[in-house]
Amino acid sequence: VAMGGTLYPEIRDLPGRMNHRMPPD
């Protein structure tokens, strides 16, 4: 972002992407 880039708010909602989040338990 500091260099002018953008972010997806939630990777797991994108087609073909895995859930990168921390396991809840």
PDB file of all heavy atoms in Angstrom:
ATOM      1  N   VAL A   1       0.828  -1.204   0.000  1.00  0.00           N
ATOM      2  CA  VAL A   1       0.000   0.000   0.000  1.00  0.00           C
ATOM      3  C   VAL A   1       0.863   1.257   0.000  1.00  0.00           C
ATOM      4  O   VAL A   1       0.570   2.232  -0.709  1.00  0.00           O
ATOM      5  CB  VAL A   1      -0.963  -0.004   1.205  1.00  0.00           C
ATOM      6  CG1 VAL A   1      -1.700   1.328   1.324  1.00  0.00           C
ATOM      7  CG2 VAL A   1      -1.968  -1.145   1.079  1.00  0.00           C
ATOM      8  N   ALA A   2       1.941   1.253   0.764  1.00  0.00           N
ATOM      9  CA  ALA A   2       2.834   2.413   0.813  1.00  0.00           C
ATOM     10  C   ALA A   2       3.408   2.746  -0.556  1.00  0.00           C
ATOM     11  O   ALA A   2       3.662   3.916  -0.860  1.00  0.00           O
ATOM     12  CB  ALA A   2       3.964   2.161   1.809  1.00  0.00           C
ATOM     13  N   MET A   3       3.572   1.717  -1.394  1.00  0.00           N
ATOM     14  CA  MET A   3       4.128   1.913  -2.728  1.00  0.00           C
ATOM     15  C   MET A   3       3.040   2.061  -3.785  1.00  0.00           C
ATOM     16  O   MET A   3       3.316   1.970  -4.985  1.00  0.00           O
ATOM     17  CB  MET A   3       5.058   0.750  -3.069  1.00  0.00           C
ATOM     18  CG  MET A   3       6.228   0.575  -2.106  1.00  0.00           C
ATOM     19  SD  MET A   3       7.232   2.072  -1.885  1.00  0.00           S
ATOM     20  CE  MET A   3       7.946   2.225  -3.526  1.00  0.00           C
ATOM     21  N   GLY A   4       1.794   2.287  -3.350  1.00  0.00           N
ATOM     22  CA  GLY A   4       0.716   2.581  -4.280  1.00  0.00           C
ATOM     23  C   GLY A   4      -0.143   1.394  -4.679  1.00  0.00           C
ATOM     24  O   GLY A   4      -0.982   1.513  -5.580  1.00  0.00           O
ATOM     25  N   GLY A   5       0.003   0.248  -4.012  1.00  0.00           N
ATOM     26  CA  GLY A   5      -0.763  -0.938  -4.350  1.00  0.00           C
ATOM     27  C   GLY A   5      -2.094  -1.011  -3.632  1.00  0.00           C
ATOM     28  O   GLY A   5      -2.410  -0.181  -2.766  1.00  0.00           O
ATOM     29  N   THR A   6      -2.892  -2.016  -3.984  1.00  0.00           N
ATOM     30  CA  THR A   6      -4.203  -2.216  -3.391  1.00  0.00           C
ATOM     31  C   THR A   6      -4.308  -3.625  -2.826  1.00  0.00           C
ATOM     32  O   THR A   6      -3.476  -4.491  -3.107  1.00  0.00           O
ATOM     33  CB  THR A   6      -5.324  -1.992  -4.423  1.00  0.00           C
ATOM     34  OG1 THR A   6      -5.193  -2.965  -5.474  1.00  0.00           O
ATOM     35  CG2 THR A   6      -5.256  -0.600  -5.013  1.00  0.00           C
ATOM     36  N   LEU A   7      -5.372  -3.844  -2.019  1.00  0.00           N
ATOM     37  CA  LEU A   7      -5.559  -5.124  -1.331  1.00  0.00           C
ATOM     38  C   LEU A   7      -6.958  -5.673  -1.568  1.00  0.00           C
ATOM     39  O   LEU A   7      -7.922  -4.917  -1.730  1.00  0.00           O
ATOM     40  CB  LEU A   7      -5.355  -4.944   0.180  1.00  0.00           C
ATOM     41  CG  LEU A   7      -4.033  -4.364   0.659  1.00  0.00           C
ATOM     42  CD1 LEU A   7      -4.082  -4.124   2.164  1.00  0.00           C
ATOM     43  CD2 LEU A   7      -2.871  -5.277   0.300  1.00  0.00           C
ATOM     44  N   TYR A   8      -7.062  -7.005  -1.564  1.00  0.00           N
ATOM     45  CA  TYR A   8      -8.352  -7.675  -1.477  1.00  0.00           C
ATOM     46  C   TYR A   8      -8.738  -7.762  -0.004  1.00  0.00           C
ATOM     47  O   TYR A   8      -7.909  -8.136   0.830  1.00  0.00           O
ATOM     48  CB  TYR A   8      -8.273  -9.097  -2.026  1.00  0.00           C
ATOM     49  CG  TYR A   8      -8.187  -9.211  -3.527  1.00  0.00           C
ATOM     50  CD1 TYR A   8      -7.044  -9.731  -4.139  1.00  0.00           C
ATOM     51  CD2 TYR A   8      -9.259  -8.837  -4.339  1.00  0.00           C
ATOM     52  CE1 TYR A   8      -6.965  -9.864  -5.514  1.00  0.00           C
ATOM     53  CE2 TYR A   8      -9.177  -8.963  -5.718  1.00  0.00           C
ATOM     54  CZ  TYR A   8      -8.040  -9.476  -6.300  1.00  0.00           C
ATOM     55  OH  TYR A   8      -7.966  -9.607  -7.660  1.00  0.00           O
ATOM     56  N   PRO A   9      -9.994  -7.474   0.351  1.00  0.00           N
ATOM     57  CA  PRO A   9     -10.385  -7.559   1.758  1.00  0.00           C
ATOM     58  C   PRO A   9     -10.479  -8.980   2.289  1.00  0.00           C
ATOM     59  O   PRO A   9     -10.310  -9.209   3.483  1.00  0.00           O
ATOM     60  CB  PRO A   9     -11.747  -6.866   1.792  1.00  0.00           C
ATOM     61  CG  PRO A   9     -12.280  -6.993   0.416  1.00  0.00           C
ATOM     62  CD  PRO A   9     -11.081  -6.935  -0.487  1.00  0.00           C
ATOM     63  N   GLU A  10     -10.749  -9.951   1.413  1.00  0.00           N
ATOM     64  CA  GLU A  10     -10.925 -11.331   1.887  1.00  0.00           C
ATOM     65  C   GLU A  10     -10.537 -12.307   0.781  1.00  0.00           C
ATOM     66  O   GLU A  10     -11.288 -12.530  -0.169  1.00  0.00           O
ATOM     67  CB  GLU A  10     -12.369 -11.567   2.313  1.00  0.00           C
ATOM     68  CG  GLU A  10     -12.596 -12.875   3.043  1.00  0.00           C
ATOM     69  CD  GLU A  10     -11.851 -12.953   4.366  1.00  0.00           C
ATOM     70  OE1 GLU A  10     -12.244 -12.261   5.327  1.00  0.00           O
ATOM     71  OE2 GLU A  10     -10.875 -13.728   4.433  1.00  0.00           O
ATOM     72  N   ILE A  11      -9.341 -12.875   0.904  1.00  0.00           N
ATOM     73  CA  ILE A  11      -8.812 -13.779  -0.122  1.00  0.00           C
ATOM     74  C   ILE A  11      -9.716 -14.993  -0.338  1.00  0.00           C
ATOM     75  O   ILE A  11      -9.954 -15.418  -1.472  1.00  0.00           O
ATOM     76  CB  ILE A  11      -7.387 -14.239   0.268  1.00  0.00           C
ATOM     77  CG1 ILE A  11      -6.410 -13.067   0.166  1.00  0.00           C
ATOM     78  CG2 ILE A  11      -6.923 -15.391  -0.612  1.00  0.00           C
ATOM     79  CD1 ILE A  11      -6.120 -12.604  -1.227  1.00  0.00           C
ATOM     80  N   ARG A  12     -10.242 -15.555   0.714  1.00  0.00           N
ATOM     81  CA  ARG A  12     -10.993 -16.804   0.605  1.00  0.00           C
ATOM     82  C   ARG A  12     -12.287 -16.658  -0.189  1.00  0.00           C
ATOM     83  O   ARG A  12     -12.873 -17.663  -0.598  1.00  0.00           O
ATOM     84  CB  ARG A  12     -11.305 -17.358   1.993  1.00  0.00           C
ATOM     85  CG  ARG A  12     -12.206 -16.476   2.847  1.00  0.00           C
ATOM     86  CD  ARG A  12     -12.411 -17.039   4.230  1.00  0.00           C
ATOM     87  NE  ARG A  12     -13.166 -16.123   5.077  1.00  0.00           N
ATOM     88  CZ  ARG A  12     -13.447 -16.354   6.355  1.00  0.00           C
ATOM     89  NH1 ARG A  12     -13.033 -17.467   6.922  1.00  0.00           N
ATOM     90  NH2 ARG A  12     -14.123 -15.461   7.057  1.00  0.00           N
ATOM     91  N   ASP A  13     -12.741 -15.413  -0.416  1.00  0.00           N
ATOM     92  CA  ASP A  13     -13.951 -15.182  -1.198  1.00  0.00           C
ATOM     93  C   ASP A  13     -13.687 -15.150  -2.697  1.00  0.00           C
ATOM     94  O   ASP A  13     -14.635 -15.101  -3.492  1.00  0.00           O
ATOM     95  CB  ASP A  13     -14.617 -13.868  -0.781  1.00  0.00           C
ATOM     96  CG  ASP A  13     -15.210 -13.936   0.617  1.00  0.00           C
ATOM     97  OD1 ASP A  13     -15.412 -15.063   1.115  1.00  0.00           O
ATOM     98  OD2 ASP A  13     -15.459 -12.863   1.211  1.00  0.00           O
ATOM     99  N   LEU A  14     -12.422 -15.176  -3.100  1.00  0.00           N
ATOM    100  CA  LEU A  14     -12.087 -15.104  -4.519  1.00  0.00           C
ATOM    101  C   LEU A  14     -12.141 -16.491  -5.155  1.00  0.00           C
ATOM    102  O   LEU A  14     -11.745 -17.476  -4.538  1.00  0.00           O
ATOM    103  CB  LEU A  14     -10.684 -14.512  -4.697  1.00  0.00           C
ATOM    104  CG  LEU A  14     -10.454 -13.114  -4.114  1.00  0.00           C
ATOM    105  CD1 LEU A  14      -8.987 -12.720  -4.262  1.00  0.00           C
ATOM    106  CD2 LEU A  14     -11.356 -12.094  -4.795  1.00  0.00           C
ATOM    107  N   PRO A  15     -12.626 -16.599  -6.377  1.00  0.00           N
ATOM    108  CA  PRO A  15     -12.693 -17.903  -7.052  1.00  0.00           C
ATOM    109  C   PRO A  15     -11.310 -18.557  -7.147  1.00  0.00           C
ATOM    110  O   PRO A  15     -10.329 -17.908  -7.529  1.00  0.00           O
ATOM    111  CB  PRO A  15     -13.223 -17.544  -8.446  1.00  0.00           C
ATOM    112  CG  PRO A  15     -13.935 -16.248  -8.269  1.00  0.00           C
ATOM    113  CD  PRO A  15     -13.180 -15.515  -7.213  1.00  0.00           C
ATOM    114  N   GLY A  16     -11.242 -19.815  -6.775  1.00  0.00           N
ATOM    115  CA  GLY A  16     -10.007 -20.566  -6.892  1.00  0.00           C
ATOM    116  C   GLY A  16      -8.999 -20.356  -5.785  1.00  0.00           C
ATOM    117  O   GLY A  16      -7.936 -20.990  -5.788  1.00  0.00           O
ATOM    118  N   ARG A  17      -9.316 -19.500  -4.819  1.00  0.00           N
ATOM    119  CA  ARG A  17      -8.376 -19.244  -3.724  1.00  0.00           C
ATOM    120  C   ARG A  17      -8.721 -20.112  -2.514  1.00  0.00           C
ATOM    121  O   ARG A  17      -9.878 -20.407  -2.254  1.00  0.00           O
ATOM    122  CB  ARG A  17      -8.403 -17.772  -3.309  1.00  0.00           C
ATOM    123  CG  ARG A  17      -8.032 -16.794  -4.401  1.00  0.00           C
ATOM    124  CD  ARG A  17      -6.573 -16.853  -4.807  1.00  0.00           C
ATOM    125  NE  ARG A  17      -6.273 -15.826  -5.779  1.00  0.00           N
ATOM    126  CZ  ARG A  17      -5.757 -14.634  -5.467  1.00  0.00           C
ATOM    127  NH1 ARG A  17      -5.458 -14.349  -4.203  1.00  0.00           N
ATOM    128  NH2 ARG A  17      -5.547 -13.733  -6.405  1.00  0.00           N
ATOM    129  N   MET A  18      -7.682 -20.481  -1.768  1.00  0.00           N
ATOM    130  CA  MET A  18      -7.870 -21.234  -0.540  1.00  0.00           C
ATOM    131  C   MET A  18      -8.146 -20.289   0.627  1.00  0.00           C
ATOM    132  O   MET A  18      -8.015 -19.069   0.491  1.00  0.00           O
ATOM    133  CB  MET A  18      -6.619 -22.072  -0.240  1.00  0.00           C
ATOM    134  CG  MET A  18      -5.406 -21.255   0.156  1.00  0.00           C
ATOM    135  SD  MET A  18      -3.957 -22.270   0.574  1.00  0.00           S
ATOM    136  CE  MET A  18      -3.409 -22.712  -1.072  1.00  0.00           C
ATOM    137  N   ASN A  19      -8.520 -20.844   1.747  1.00  0.00           N
ATOM    138  CA  ASN A  19      -8.682 -20.072   2.970  1.00  0.00           C
ATOM    139  C   ASN A  19      -7.315 -19.925   3.627  1.00  0.00           C
ATOM    140  O   ASN A  19      -6.745 -20.891   4.129  1.00  0.00           O
ATOM    141  CB  ASN A  19      -9.661 -20.767   3.913  1.00  0.00           C
ATOM    142  CG  ASN A  19      -9.913 -19.960   5.183  1.00  0.00           C
ATOM    143  OD1 ASN A  19      -9.402 -18.855   5.335  1.00  0.00           O
ATOM    144  ND2 ASN A  19     -10.685 -20.519   6.092  1.00  0.00           N
ATOM    145  N   HIS A  20      -6.790 -18.705   3.617  1.00  0.00           N
ATOM    146  CA  HIS A  20      -5.465 -18.446   4.181  1.00  0.00           C
ATOM    147  C   HIS A  20      -5.526 -18.048   5.655  1.00  0.00           C
ATOM    148  O   HIS A  20      -4.490 -17.766   6.258  1.00  0.00           O
ATOM    149  CB  HIS A  20      -4.759 -17.338   3.393  1.00  0.00           C
ATOM    150  CG  HIS A  20      -4.296 -17.745   2.033  1.00  0.00           C
ATOM    151  ND1 HIS A  20      -2.969 -17.990   1.737  1.00  0.00           N
ATOM    152  CD2 HIS A  20      -4.981 -17.974   0.893  1.00  0.00           C
ATOM    153  CE1 HIS A  20      -2.862 -18.328   0.464  1.00  0.00           C
ATOM    154  NE2 HIS A  20      -4.073 -18.323  -0.064  1.00  0.00           N
ATOM    155  N   ARG A  21      -6.724 -17.988   6.206  1.00  0.00           N
ATOM    156  CA  ARG A  21      -6.855 -17.513   7.582  1.00  0.00           C
ATOM    157  C   ARG A  21      -6.337 -18.529   8.601  1.00  0.00           C
ATOM    158  O   ARG A  21      -6.234 -19.722   8.331  1.00  0.00           O
ATOM    159  CB  ARG A  21      -8.316 -17.188   7.885  1.00  0.00           C
ATOM    160  CG  ARG A  21      -8.773 -15.870   7.289  1.00  0.00           C
ATOM    161  CD  ARG A  21     -10.099 -15.443   7.855  1.00  0.00           C
ATOM    162  NE  ARG A  21     -10.477 -14.098   7.433  1.00  0.00           N
ATOM    163  CZ  ARG A  21     -10.076 -12.985   8.035  1.00  0.00           C
ATOM    164  NH1 ARG A  21      -9.279 -13.061   9.094  1.00  0.00           N
ATOM    165  NH2 ARG A  21     -10.466 -11.811   7.611  1.00  0.00           N
ATOM    166  N   MET A  22      -6.027 -18.009   9.801  1.00  0.00           N
ATOM    167  CA  MET A  22      -5.585 -18.838  10.911  1.00  0.00           C
ATOM    168  C   MET A  22      -6.699 -19.805  11.312  1.00  0.00           C
ATOM    169  O   MET A  22      -7.857 -19.400  11.408  1.00  0.00           O
ATOM    170  CB  MET A  22      -5.225 -17.949  12.103  1.00  0.00           C
ATOM    171  CG  MET A  22      -4.796 -18.687  13.352  1.00  0.00           C
ATOM    172  SD  MET A  22      -4.384 -17.541  14.703  1.00  0.00           S
ATOM    173  CE  MET A  22      -6.015 -16.863  15.094  1.00  0.00           C
ATOM    174  N   PRO A  23      -6.373 -21.066  11.557  1.00  0.00           N
ATOM    175  CA  PRO A  23      -7.393 -21.988  12.068  1.00  0.00           C
ATOM    176  C   PRO A  23      -7.999 -21.440  13.357  1.00  0.00           C
ATOM    177  O   PRO A  23      -7.264 -20.949  14.224  1.00  0.00           O
ATOM    178  CB  PRO A  23      -6.602 -23.274  12.330  1.00  0.00           C
ATOM    179  CG  PRO A  23      -5.406 -23.181  11.438  1.00  0.00           C
ATOM    180  CD  PRO A  23      -5.071 -21.722  11.361  1.00  0.00           C
ATOM    181  N   PRO A  24      -9.314 -21.484  13.516  1.00  0.00           N
ATOM    182  CA  PRO A  24      -9.951 -20.869  14.682  1.00  0.00           C
ATOM    183  C   PRO A  24      -9.686 -21.602  15.988  1.00  0.00           C
ATOM    184  O   PRO A  24      -9.794 -21.003  17.063  1.00  0.00           O
ATOM    185  CB  PRO A  24     -11.442 -20.909  14.336  1.00  0.00           C
ATOM    186  CG  PRO A  24     -11.568 -22.042  13.373  1.00  0.00           C
ATOM    187  CD  PRO A  24     -10.296 -22.048  12.584  1.00  0.00           C
ATOM    188  N   ASP A  25      -9.353 -22.878  15.912  1.00  0.00           N
ATOM    189  CA  ASP A  25      -9.146 -23.680  17.114  1.00  0.00           C
ATOM    190  C   ASP A  25      -7.770 -24.335  17.086  1.00  0.00           C
ATOM    191  O   ASP A  25      -7.094 -24.364  16.061  1.00  0.00           O
ATOM    192  CB  ASP A  25     -10.231 -24.762  17.226  1.00  0.00           C
ATOM    193  CG  ASP A  25     -11.629 -24.171  17.264  1.00  0.00           C
ATOM    194  OD1 ASP A  25     -11.855 -23.266  18.087  1.00  0.00           O
ATOM    195  OD2 ASP A  25     -12.481 -24.617  16.459  1.00  0.00           O
TER     196      ASP A  25
END
